Amino acid sequence: MKRAVLFTLICGVAVISGSQLYAACAATNPTPIGHYLGGYLDCDDTARVQAFVYQLNAPSTTNTGPLNVACSSPSGPSVTCTGSSPGADGDHHLTIETDATIVGWNGCPAAIRIVAVAIDSVGNGAMLSVSGKDPSFGYFLEAAHQTPDGNSILPITCTATGRPKVVSVSNNGSTVNMSLSVPQSQIETDCDPGSLGKLVTDSGANTVCDGFVATPVRGHLYTSTQACGFADMSLTRWAASTVTPDAAGNASLSTASPTSGNCLYVAASSAITGNPEMLTGYVQVGG
């Protein structure tokens, strides 16, 4: 990255984030988290989209709580969509936008690594992680995006990575028996080679990458009976099964058939660096 471009970018971020980004998550001290530099996720946003954020070392106490922080357009569904990045519903321009000062947030991230997860309209997902180490960049998720030339920021695509695939299924009216294949999930970070965060760090201008190495592992499968069409990914709507896919991602699962008028959904989960499981994608099995 040319130093002139780098300097311009850093100054632009500093104007948005302020000089006291991590003093406290109070209304007088904004703590923006998300896409604010023109980056976006290439994800299906024709219908419901969902996203949540948590602090890596304190996922149960510092998180977005009940908030959905995805933005498919300036009107939402996040309450903090600014219109700086999202276009219109259905254009595959999905962003994550939130602020830890708004009502609903649990805890206050303070220059400690966070993880953001987005689930698109068809159940595919994307995971990103940024350190928050440098106040100039704060929690801008573009740091985890690839930049081929130091000027442009490439989108991150929601994929079936981390989403269950149904191999076979049968339903006898009371029990659904299924075989599933679960690809290993992936996470994009500000320490990945070619990422904006790594490029800035390697340039010596700022320290964004803190040496983090993501080690996602497959977690338990989760099930939920909900209205057909799309699944609410709020963890409270899901029940963890006792089944974890094997090393090749294969799993067999049996669960109660969905109630009349509803559909059965199965979600995969991942744990990153030994932290609690999070849902990474879902599939509708039957209804």
C-alpha atoms as a PDB file:
ATOM      1  CA  MET A   1       0.000   0.000   0.000  1.00  0.00           C
ATOM      2  CA  LYS A   2       1.345   3.421  -0.870  1.00  0.00           C
ATOM      3  CA  ARG A   3       1.991   5.419   2.263  1.00  0.00           C
ATOM      4  CA  ALA A   4      -0.060   8.363   0.927  1.00  0.00           C
ATOM      5  CA  VAL A   5      -3.077   6.114   0.468  1.00  0.00           C
ATOM      6  CA  LEU A   6      -2.488   4.502   3.841  1.00  0.00           C
ATOM      7  CA  PHE A   7      -2.251   7.866   5.569  1.00  0.00           C
ATOM      8  CA  THR A   8      -5.466   9.069   3.941  1.00  0.00           C
ATOM      9  CA  LEU A   9      -7.302   5.919   5.006  1.00  0.00           C
ATOM     10  CA  ILE A  10      -6.111   6.090   8.594  1.00  0.00           C
ATOM     11  CA  CYS A  11      -7.047   9.753   8.899  1.00  0.00           C
ATOM     12  CA  GLY A  12     -10.488   9.024   7.488  1.00  0.00           C
ATOM     13  CA  VAL A  13     -11.052   6.303  10.056  1.00  0.00           C
ATOM     14  CA  ALA A  14      -9.847   8.500  12.896  1.00  0.00           C
ATOM     15  CA  VAL A  15     -12.398  11.153  11.988  1.00  0.00           C
ATOM     16  CA  ILE A  16     -15.202   8.607  12.273  1.00  0.00           C
ATOM     17  CA  SER A  17     -14.058   6.741  15.363  1.00  0.00           C
ATOM     18  CA  GLY A  18     -12.802   9.590  17.521  1.00  0.00           C
ATOM     19  CA  SER A  19      -9.808   9.724  19.795  1.00  0.00           C
ATOM     20  CA  GLN A  20     -11.456   8.104  22.820  1.00  0.00           C
ATOM     21  CA  LEU A  21     -12.935   5.064  21.141  1.00  0.00           C
ATOM     22  CA  TYR A  22     -12.323   2.758  24.081  1.00  0.00           C
ATOM     23  CA  ALA A  23     -12.878   5.043  27.059  1.00  0.00           C
ATOM     24  CA  ALA A  24     -16.346   3.667  27.767  1.00  0.00           C
ATOM     25  CA  CYS A  25     -19.407   2.498  25.890  1.00  0.00           C
ATOM     26  CA  ALA A  26     -21.437   5.504  26.920  1.00  0.00           C
ATOM     27  CA  ALA A  27     -23.784   7.557  24.781  1.00  0.00           C
ATOM     28  CA  THR A  28     -21.213  10.348  24.732  1.00  0.00           C
ATOM     29  CA  ASN A  29     -18.487   8.031  23.451  1.00  0.00           C
ATOM     30  CA  PRO A  30     -19.495   6.169  20.252  1.00  0.00           C
ATOM     31  CA  THR A  31     -17.997   2.718  19.693  1.00  0.00           C
ATOM     32  CA  PRO A  32     -18.831   1.898  16.054  1.00  0.00           C
ATOM     33  CA  ILE A  33     -18.457  -1.729  14.973  1.00  0.00           C
ATOM     34  CA  GLY A  34     -18.927  -2.807  11.385  1.00  0.00           C
ATOM     35  CA  HIS A  35     -18.413  -1.777   7.772  1.00  0.00           C
ATOM     36  CA  TYR A  36     -17.806   1.954   7.445  1.00  0.00           C
ATOM     37  CA  LEU A  37     -15.125   2.200   4.743  1.00  0.00           C
ATOM     38  CA  GLY A  38     -17.158   0.989   1.782  1.00  0.00           C
ATOM     39  CA  GLY A  39     -16.582  -2.733   2.350  1.00  0.00           C
ATOM     40  CA  TYR A  40     -19.448  -5.204   2.265  1.00  0.00           C
ATOM     41  CA  LEU A  41     -20.401  -8.881   2.316  1.00  0.00           C
ATOM     42  CA  ASP A  42     -21.499 -10.506  -0.929  1.00  0.00           C
ATOM     43  CA  CYS A  43     -24.492 -12.353   0.499  1.00  0.00           C
ATOM     44  CA  ASP A  44     -28.079 -13.134  -0.458  1.00  0.00           C
ATOM     45  CA  ASP A  45     -30.146 -10.346   1.083  1.00  0.00           C
ATOM     46  CA  THR A  46     -33.421 -10.884  -0.754  1.00  0.00           C
ATOM     47  CA  ALA A  47     -35.160 -11.793   2.506  1.00  0.00           C
ATOM     48  CA  ARG A  48     -34.210 -11.911   6.183  1.00  0.00           C
ATOM     49  CA  VAL A  49     -30.541 -11.380   6.987  1.00  0.00           C
ATOM     50  CA  GLN A  50     -28.983 -11.688  10.429  1.00  0.00           C
ATOM     51  CA  ALA A  51     -25.719 -10.809  12.129  1.00  0.00           C
ATOM     52  CA  PHE A  52     -24.320 -10.694  15.630  1.00  0.00           C
ATOM     53  CA  VAL A  53     -21.046  -9.715  17.293  1.00  0.00           C
ATOM     54  CA  TYR A  54     -19.269 -10.881  20.432  1.00  0.00           C
ATOM     55  CA  GLN A  55     -15.965 -10.329  22.209  1.00  0.00           C
ATOM     56  CA  LEU A  56     -13.745 -13.353  21.692  1.00  0.00           C
ATOM     57  CA  ASN A  57     -12.586 -13.754  25.288  1.00  0.00           C
ATOM     58  CA  ALA A  58     -15.964 -12.863  26.848  1.00  0.00           C
ATOM     59  CA  PRO A  59     -18.657 -14.085  24.443  1.00  0.00           C
ATOM     60  CA  SER A  60     -21.370 -14.517  27.064  1.00  0.00           C
ATOM     61  CA  THR A  61     -20.985 -11.100  28.686  1.00  0.00           C
ATOM     62  CA  THR A  62     -19.919  -8.794  25.834  1.00  0.00           C
ATOM     63  CA  ASN A  63     -22.125  -9.221  22.783  1.00  0.00           C
ATOM     64  CA  THR A  64     -24.927  -7.758  20.702  1.00  0.00           C
ATOM     65  CA  GLY A  65     -27.545  -9.556  22.808  1.00  0.00           C
ATOM     66  CA  PRO A  66     -30.964  -9.556  21.089  1.00  0.00           C
ATOM     67  CA  LEU A  67     -29.874  -7.068  18.423  1.00  0.00           C
ATOM     68  CA  ASN A  68     -29.739  -8.007  14.762  1.00  0.00           C
ATOM     69  CA  VAL A  69     -26.857  -5.917  13.411  1.00  0.00           C
ATOM     70  CA  ALA A  70     -27.111  -6.829   9.715  1.00  0.00           C
ATOM     71  CA  CYS A  71     -27.829  -4.159   7.091  1.00  0.00           C
ATOM     72  CA  SER A  72     -29.275  -5.071   3.697  1.00  0.00           C
ATOM     73  CA  SER A  73     -30.261  -1.447   3.069  1.00  0.00           C
ATOM     74  CA  PRO A  74     -30.076   1.861   4.949  1.00  0.00           C
ATOM     75  CA  SER A  75     -33.407   1.023   6.574  1.00  0.00           C
ATOM     76  CA  GLY A  76     -32.233  -2.101   8.370  1.00  0.00           C
ATOM     77  CA  PRO A  77     -32.746  -4.514   9.903  1.00  0.00           C
ATOM     78  CA  SER A  78     -30.038  -3.152  12.235  1.00  0.00           C
ATOM     79  CA  VAL A  79     -31.168  -0.031  14.067  1.00  0.00           C
ATOM     80  CA  THR A  80     -27.810   1.565  13.257  1.00  0.00           C
ATOM     81  CA  CYS A  81     -27.675   1.207   9.456  1.00  0.00           C
ATOM     82  CA  THR A  82     -26.140   4.462   8.274  1.00  0.00           C
ATOM     83  CA  GLY A  83     -26.401   4.040   4.541  1.00  0.00           C
ATOM     84  CA  SER A  84     -22.643   4.458   4.180  1.00  0.00           C
ATOM     85  CA  SER A  85     -22.263   0.952   2.785  1.00  0.00           C
ATOM     86  CA  PRO A  86     -25.541  -0.909   2.149  1.00  0.00           C
ATOM     87  CA  GLY A  87     -27.426  -0.490  -1.096  1.00  0.00           C
ATOM     88  CA  ALA A  88     -30.875  -2.013  -1.539  1.00  0.00           C
ATOM     89  CA  ASP A  89     -32.515  -5.277  -0.530  1.00  0.00           C
ATOM     90  CA  GLY A  90     -31.543  -8.032  -2.941  1.00  0.00           C
ATOM     91  CA  ASP A  91     -28.372  -6.470  -4.346  1.00  0.00           C
ATOM     92  CA  HIS A  92     -25.962  -8.786  -2.476  1.00  0.00           C
ATOM     93  CA  HIS A  93     -24.457  -5.824  -0.625  1.00  0.00           C
ATOM     94  CA  LEU A  94     -24.784  -6.795   3.031  1.00  0.00           C
ATOM     95  CA  THR A  95     -22.993  -4.960   5.813  1.00  0.00           C
ATOM     96  CA  ILE A  96     -22.716  -5.267   9.567  1.00  0.00           C
ATOM     97  CA  GLU A  97     -23.273  -2.037  11.464  1.00  0.00           C
ATOM     98  CA  THR A  98     -23.750  -1.438  15.175  1.00  0.00           C
ATOM     99  CA  ASP A  99     -22.510   0.653  18.054  1.00  0.00           C
ATOM    100  CA  ALA A 100     -21.795  -0.669  21.532  1.00  0.00           C
ATOM    101  CA  THR A 101     -23.487   2.377  23.025  1.00  0.00           C
ATOM    102  CA  ILE A 102     -26.993   1.474  21.861  1.00  0.00           C
ATOM    103  CA  VAL A 103     -29.631  -0.152  24.048  1.00  0.00           C
ATOM    104  CA  GLY A 104     -29.428  -3.935  23.783  1.00  0.00           C
ATOM    105  CA  TRP A 105     -25.673  -4.296  23.812  1.00  0.00           C
ATOM    106  CA  ASN A 106     -24.218  -6.389  26.630  1.00  0.00           C
ATOM    107  CA  GLY A 107     -20.887  -5.212  28.010  1.00  0.00           C
ATOM    108  CA  CYS A 108     -18.392  -2.947  26.319  1.00  0.00           C
ATOM    109  CA  PRO A 109     -15.611  -4.177  24.019  1.00  0.00           C
ATOM    110  CA  ALA A 110     -12.409  -2.378  24.914  1.00  0.00           C
ATOM    111  CA  ALA A 111      -9.603  -2.855  22.386  1.00  0.00           C
ATOM    112  CA  ILE A 112     -10.073  -6.623  22.607  1.00  0.00           C
ATOM    113  CA  ARG A 113     -10.698  -8.919  19.628  1.00  0.00           C
ATOM    114  CA  ILE A 114     -14.267  -9.406  18.468  1.00  0.00           C
ATOM    115  CA  VAL A 115     -15.957 -11.883  16.126  1.00  0.00           C
ATOM    116  CA  ALA A 116     -18.789 -10.962  13.770  1.00  0.00           C
ATOM    117  CA  VAL A 117     -21.056 -13.556  12.164  1.00  0.00           C
ATOM    118  CA  ALA A 118     -23.526 -12.941   9.341  1.00  0.00           C
ATOM    119  CA  ILE A 119     -26.172 -15.377   8.069  1.00  0.00           C
ATOM    120  CA  ASP A 120     -27.844 -14.537   4.776  1.00  0.00           C
ATOM    121  CA  SER A 121     -31.322 -15.181   3.411  1.00  0.00           C
ATOM    122  CA  VAL A 122     -30.570 -18.738   2.280  1.00  0.00           C
ATOM    123  CA  GLY A 123     -28.636 -19.878   5.359  1.00  0.00           C
ATOM    124  CA  ASN A 124     -25.089 -19.303   4.152  1.00  0.00           C
ATOM    125  CA  GLY A 125     -22.698 -17.453   6.421  1.00  0.00           C
ATOM    126  CA  ALA A 126     -19.553 -15.387   6.816  1.00  0.00           C
ATOM    127  CA  MET A 127     -17.339 -14.866   9.877  1.00  0.00           C
ATOM    128  CA  LEU A 128     -14.931 -12.004  10.469  1.00  0.00           C
ATOM    129  CA  SER A 129     -12.656 -11.045  13.335  1.00  0.00           C
ATOM    130  CA  VAL A 130     -10.781  -7.808  14.066  1.00  0.00           C
ATOM    131  CA  SER A 131      -8.539  -6.963  16.986  1.00  0.00           C
ATOM    132  CA  GLY A 132      -9.621  -3.460  17.944  1.00  0.00           C
ATOM    133  CA  LYS A 133      -5.987  -3.005  18.895  1.00  0.00           C
ATOM    134  CA  ASP A 134      -5.394   0.261  17.064  1.00  0.00           C
ATOM    135  CA  PRO A 135      -7.705   3.205  17.860  1.00  0.00           C
ATOM    136  CA  SER A 136      -7.288   4.551  14.325  1.00  0.00           C
ATOM    137  CA  PHE A 137      -8.993   1.471  12.901  1.00  0.00           C
ATOM    138  CA  GLY A 138     -11.088   0.497  15.908  1.00  0.00           C
ATOM    139  CA  TYR A 139     -13.605  -2.198  15.060  1.00  0.00           C
ATOM    140  CA  PHE A 140     -13.961  -1.481  11.355  1.00  0.00           C
ATOM    141  CA  LEU A 141     -14.472  -4.868   9.740  1.00  0.00           C
ATOM    142  CA  GLU A 142     -12.759  -3.867   6.505  1.00  0.00           C
ATOM    143  CA  ALA A 143      -9.494  -4.686   8.295  1.00  0.00           C
ATOM    144  CA  ALA A 144     -10.388  -8.376   7.789  1.00  0.00           C
ATOM    145  CA  HIS A 145     -11.109  -7.919   4.063  1.00  0.00           C
ATOM    146  CA  GLN A 146      -8.593  -8.579   1.332  1.00  0.00           C
ATOM    147  CA  THR A 147      -7.054  -5.600  -0.459  1.00  0.00           C
ATOM    148  CA  PRO A 148      -5.215  -6.544  -3.668  1.00  0.00           C
ATOM    149  CA  ASP A 149      -3.677  -3.146  -4.345  1.00  0.00           C
ATOM    150  CA  GLY A 150      -3.905  -1.167  -1.125  1.00  0.00           C
ATOM    151  CA  ASN A 151      -6.690   0.950  -2.569  1.00  0.00           C
ATOM    152  CA  SER A 152      -9.691  -1.330  -3.102  1.00  0.00           C
ATOM    153  CA  ILE A 153     -11.415  -3.538  -0.536  1.00  0.00           C
ATOM    154  CA  LEU A 154     -12.781  -6.839  -1.804  1.00  0.00           C
ATOM    155  CA  PRO A 155     -16.110  -8.165  -0.523  1.00  0.00           C
ATOM    156  CA  ILE A 156     -16.270 -11.284   1.632  1.00  0.00           C
ATOM    157  CA  THR A 157     -18.758 -13.843   0.331  1.00  0.00           C
ATOM    158  CA  CYS A 158     -21.309 -15.722   2.398  1.00  0.00           C
ATOM    159  CA  THR A 159     -20.714 -19.375   1.565  1.00  0.00           C
ATOM    160  CA  ALA A 160     -21.956 -22.815   2.509  1.00  0.00           C
ATOM    161  CA  THR A 161     -18.784 -23.246   4.548  1.00  0.00           C
ATOM    162  CA  GLY A 162     -20.030 -24.085   8.030  1.00  0.00           C
ATOM    163  CA  ARG A 163     -23.552 -24.797   6.762  1.00  0.00           C
ATOM    164  CA  PRO A 164     -25.010 -28.325   7.006  1.00  0.00           C
ATOM    165  CA  LYS A 165     -25.792 -30.191   3.789  1.00  0.00           C
ATOM    166  CA  VAL A 166     -28.514 -32.851   3.838  1.00  0.00           C
ATOM    167  CA  VAL A 167     -27.274 -36.136   2.368  1.00  0.00           C
ATOM    168  CA  SER A 168     -30.417 -38.145   3.131  1.00  0.00           C
ATOM    169  CA  VAL A 169     -33.556 -37.703   5.220  1.00  0.00           C
ATOM    170  CA  SER A 170     -36.622 -39.691   6.233  1.00  0.00           C
ATOM    171  CA  ASN A 171     -39.649 -38.759   8.312  1.00  0.00           C
ATOM    172  CA  ASN A 172     -41.987 -41.372   9.791  1.00  0.00           C
ATOM    173  CA  GLY A 173     -44.342 -38.768  11.190  1.00  0.00           C
ATOM    174  CA  SER A 174     -42.824 -38.647  14.651  1.00  0.00           C
ATOM    175  CA  THR A 175     -39.064 -38.723  14.041  1.00  0.00           C
ATOM    176  CA  VAL A 176     -36.850 -37.215  11.377  1.00  0.00           C
ATOM    177  CA  ASN A 177     -33.706 -39.232  10.652  1.00  0.00           C
ATOM    178  CA  MET A 178     -31.031 -37.573   8.576  1.00  0.00           C
ATOM    179  CA  SER A 179     -27.468 -37.864   7.381  1.00  0.00           C
ATOM    180  CA  LEU A 180     -25.579 -34.607   7.093  1.00  0.00           C
ATOM    181  CA  SER A 181     -22.290 -33.291   5.795  1.00  0.00           C
ATOM    182  CA  VAL A 182     -20.849 -30.210   7.514  1.00  0.00           C
ATOM    183  CA  PRO A 183     -17.920 -28.377   5.880  1.00  0.00           C
ATOM    184  CA  GLN A 184     -15.377 -26.813   8.191  1.00  0.00           C
ATOM    185  CA  SER A 185     -16.173 -23.164   8.828  1.00  0.00           C
ATOM    186  CA  GLN A 186     -13.785 -20.383   7.851  1.00  0.00           C
ATOM    187  CA  ILE A 187     -13.080 -17.026   9.415  1.00  0.00           C
ATOM    188  CA  GLU A 188     -11.542 -13.961   7.824  1.00  0.00           C
ATOM    189  CA  THR A 189      -9.273 -11.931  10.101  1.00  0.00           C
ATOM    190  CA  ASP A 190      -7.143  -8.789  10.115  1.00  0.00           C
ATOM    191  CA  CYS A 191      -4.068 -11.024  10.396  1.00  0.00           C
ATOM    192  CA  ASP A 192      -4.687 -12.947   7.156  1.00  0.00           C
ATOM    193  CA  PRO A 193      -2.082 -12.448   4.428  1.00  0.00           C
ATOM    194  CA  GLY A 194      -3.428  -9.861   2.000  1.00  0.00           C
ATOM    195  CA  SER A 195      -5.898  -8.384   4.464  1.00  0.00           C
ATOM    196  CA  LEU A 196      -6.046  -4.656   5.052  1.00  0.00           C
ATOM    197  CA  GLY A 197      -5.125  -5.129   8.707  1.00  0.00           C
ATOM    198  CA  LYS A 198      -2.044  -7.198   7.879  1.00  0.00           C
ATOM    199  CA  LEU A 199      -0.986  -4.790   5.155  1.00  0.00           C
ATOM    200  CA  VAL A 200      -1.231  -1.807   7.464  1.00  0.00           C
ATOM    201  CA  THR A 201       0.639  -3.648  10.228  1.00  0.00           C
ATOM    202  CA  ASP A 202       3.412  -4.820   7.907  1.00  0.00           C
ATOM    203  CA  SER A 203       3.831  -1.268   6.622  1.00  0.00           C
ATOM    204  CA  GLY A 204       4.814  -0.168  10.126  1.00  0.00           C
ATOM    205  CA  ALA A 205       2.286   2.660  10.136  1.00  0.00           C
ATOM    206  CA  ASN A 206      -0.122   1.112  12.654  1.00  0.00           C
ATOM    207  CA  THR A 207      -0.448  -2.168  14.545  1.00  0.00           C
ATOM    208  CA  VAL A 208      -3.786  -3.720  13.608  1.00  0.00           C
ATOM    209  CA  CYS A 209      -2.854  -7.423  13.486  1.00  0.00           C
ATOM    210  CA  ASP A 210      -2.030  -8.757  16.951  1.00  0.00           C
ATOM    211  CA  GLY A 211      -0.726 -12.125  15.765  1.00  0.00           C
ATOM    212  CA  PHE A 212      -4.101 -13.860  16.060  1.00  0.00           C
ATOM    213  CA  VAL A 213      -4.417 -17.287  14.431  1.00  0.00           C
ATOM    214  CA  ALA A 214      -7.993 -18.534  14.065  1.00  0.00           C
ATOM    215  CA  THR A 215      -8.557 -22.216  14.854  1.00  0.00           C
ATOM    216  CA  PRO A 216     -12.243 -22.972  14.218  1.00  0.00           C
ATOM    217  CA  VAL A 217     -13.445 -26.477  15.034  1.00  0.00           C
ATOM    218  CA  ARG A 218     -16.807 -28.071  14.369  1.00  0.00           C
ATOM    219  CA  GLY A 219     -19.257 -27.906  17.244  1.00  0.00           C
ATOM    220  CA  HIS A 220     -22.543 -29.626  17.997  1.00  0.00           C
ATOM    221  CA  LEU A 221     -25.483 -29.658  15.624  1.00  0.00           C
ATOM    222  CA  TYR A 222     -28.485 -27.609  16.708  1.00  0.00           C
ATOM    223  CA  THR A 223     -32.160 -28.036  15.838  1.00  0.00           C
ATOM    224  CA  SER A 224     -35.115 -25.686  15.857  1.00  0.00           C
ATOM    225  CA  THR A 225     -38.781 -25.872  14.864  1.00  0.00           C
ATOM    226  CA  GLN A 226     -39.921 -22.546  13.441  1.00  0.00           C
ATOM    227  CA  ALA A 227     -42.235 -21.114  10.828  1.00  0.00           C
ATOM    228  CA  CYS A 228     -41.236 -22.164   7.318  1.00  0.00           C
ATOM    229  CA  GLY A 229     -39.321 -19.752   5.130  1.00  0.00           C
ATOM    230  CA  PHE A 230     -36.314 -18.689   7.171  1.00  0.00           C
ATOM    231  CA  ALA A 231     -34.872 -19.401  10.595  1.00  0.00           C
ATOM    232  CA  ASP A 232     -34.312 -16.981  13.441  1.00  0.00           C
ATOM    233  CA  MET A 233     -30.675 -17.538  14.411  1.00  0.00           C
ATOM    234  CA  SER A 234     -31.055 -16.242  17.971  1.00  0.00           C
ATOM    235  CA  LEU A 235     -29.411 -18.947  20.055  1.00  0.00           C
ATOM    236  CA  THR A 236     -32.390 -19.065  22.428  1.00  0.00           C
ATOM    237  CA  ARG A 237     -34.473 -20.490  19.564  1.00  0.00           C
ATOM    238  CA  TRP A 238     -32.180 -23.489  19.139  1.00  0.00           C
ATOM    239  CA  ALA A 239     -31.541 -26.704  21.063  1.00  0.00           C
ATOM    240  CA  ALA A 240     -28.098 -28.283  21.060  1.00  0.00           C
ATOM    241  CA  SER A 241     -28.024 -31.946  20.122  1.00  0.00           C
ATOM    242  CA  THR A 242     -25.480 -34.445  21.410  1.00  0.00           C
ATOM    243  CA  VAL A 243     -24.136 -34.931  17.881  1.00  0.00           C
ATOM    244  CA  THR A 244     -20.848 -33.466  16.657  1.00  0.00           C
ATOM    245  CA  PRO A 245     -19.722 -34.160  13.071  1.00  0.00           C
ATOM    246  CA  ASP A 246     -16.716 -36.430  12.717  1.00  0.00           C
ATOM    247  CA  ALA A 247     -13.342 -35.331  11.360  1.00  0.00           C
ATOM    248  CA  ALA A 248     -14.661 -35.566   7.794  1.00  0.00           C
ATOM    249  CA  GLY A 249     -17.760 -33.536   8.663  1.00  0.00           C
ATOM    250  CA  ASN A 250     -20.211 -36.442   8.524  1.00  0.00           C
ATOM    251  CA  ALA A 251     -23.023 -36.795  11.048  1.00  0.00           C
ATOM    252  CA  SER A 252     -26.263 -38.678  11.643  1.00  0.00           C
ATOM    253  CA  LEU A 253     -29.043 -36.980  13.573  1.00  0.00           C
ATOM    254  CA  SER A 254     -32.509 -37.984  14.753  1.00  0.00           C
ATOM    255  CA  THR A 255     -34.999 -35.527  16.179  1.00  0.00           C
ATOM    256  CA  ALA A 256     -38.722 -35.033  16.619  1.00  0.00           C
ATOM    257  CA  SER A 257     -40.731 -34.199  13.514  1.00  0.00           C
ATOM    258  CA  PRO A 258     -41.816 -30.561  13.252  1.00  0.00           C
ATOM    259  CA  THR A 259     -45.242 -29.628  14.495  1.00  0.00           C
ATOM    260  CA  SER A 260     -47.984 -28.998  11.972  1.00  0.00           C
ATOM    261  CA  GLY A 261     -47.474 -25.822   9.968  1.00  0.00           C
ATOM    262  CA  ASN A 262     -43.799 -25.473  10.963  1.00  0.00           C
ATOM    263  CA  CYS A 263     -40.456 -26.561   9.556  1.00  0.00           C
ATOM    264  CA  LEU A 264     -37.449 -28.285  11.048  1.00  0.00           C
ATOM    265  CA  TYR A 265     -34.114 -26.502  10.774  1.00  0.00           C
ATOM    266  CA  VAL A 266     -30.637 -27.847  11.497  1.00  0.00           C
ATOM    267  CA  ALA A 267     -27.739 -25.502  12.182  1.00  0.00           C
ATOM    268  CA  ALA A 268     -24.032 -26.154  12.418  1.00  0.00           C
ATOM    269  CA  SER A 269     -21.782 -24.485  14.942  1.00  0.00           C
ATOM    270  CA  SER A 270     -18.127 -23.693  15.391  1.00  0.00           C
ATOM    271  CA  ALA A 271     -15.893 -22.887  18.320  1.00  0.00           C
ATOM    272  CA  ILE A 272     -12.978 -20.538  17.692  1.00  0.00           C
ATOM    273  CA  THR A 273      -9.801 -20.876  19.736  1.00  0.00           C
ATOM    274  CA  GLY A 274     -11.591 -22.833  22.438  1.00  0.00           C
ATOM    275  CA  ASN A 275     -14.430 -20.360  22.956  1.00  0.00           C
ATOM    276  CA  PRO A 276     -18.120 -21.344  23.193  1.00  0.00           C
ATOM    277  CA  GLU A 277     -19.961 -22.518  20.111  1.00  0.00           C
ATOM    278  CA  MET A 278     -21.689 -20.146  17.716  1.00  0.00           C
ATOM    279  CA  LEU A 279     -24.088 -20.943  14.896  1.00  0.00           C
ATOM    280  CA  THR A 280     -22.513 -20.662  11.443  1.00  0.00           C
ATOM    281  CA  GLY A 281     -25.285 -21.638   9.003  1.00  0.00           C
ATOM    282  CA  TYR A 282     -28.516 -23.564   8.744  1.00  0.00           C
ATOM    283  CA  VAL A 283     -30.574 -25.721   6.403  1.00  0.00           C
ATOM    284  CA  GLN A 284     -34.318 -26.378   6.273  1.00  0.00           C
ATOM    285  CA  VAL A 285     -34.845 -30.117   6.530  1.00  0.00           C
ATOM    286  CA  GLY A 286     -38.600 -30.536   6.244  1.00  0.00           C
ATOM    287  CA  GLY A 287     -42.004 -29.414   7.344  1.00  0.00           C
END
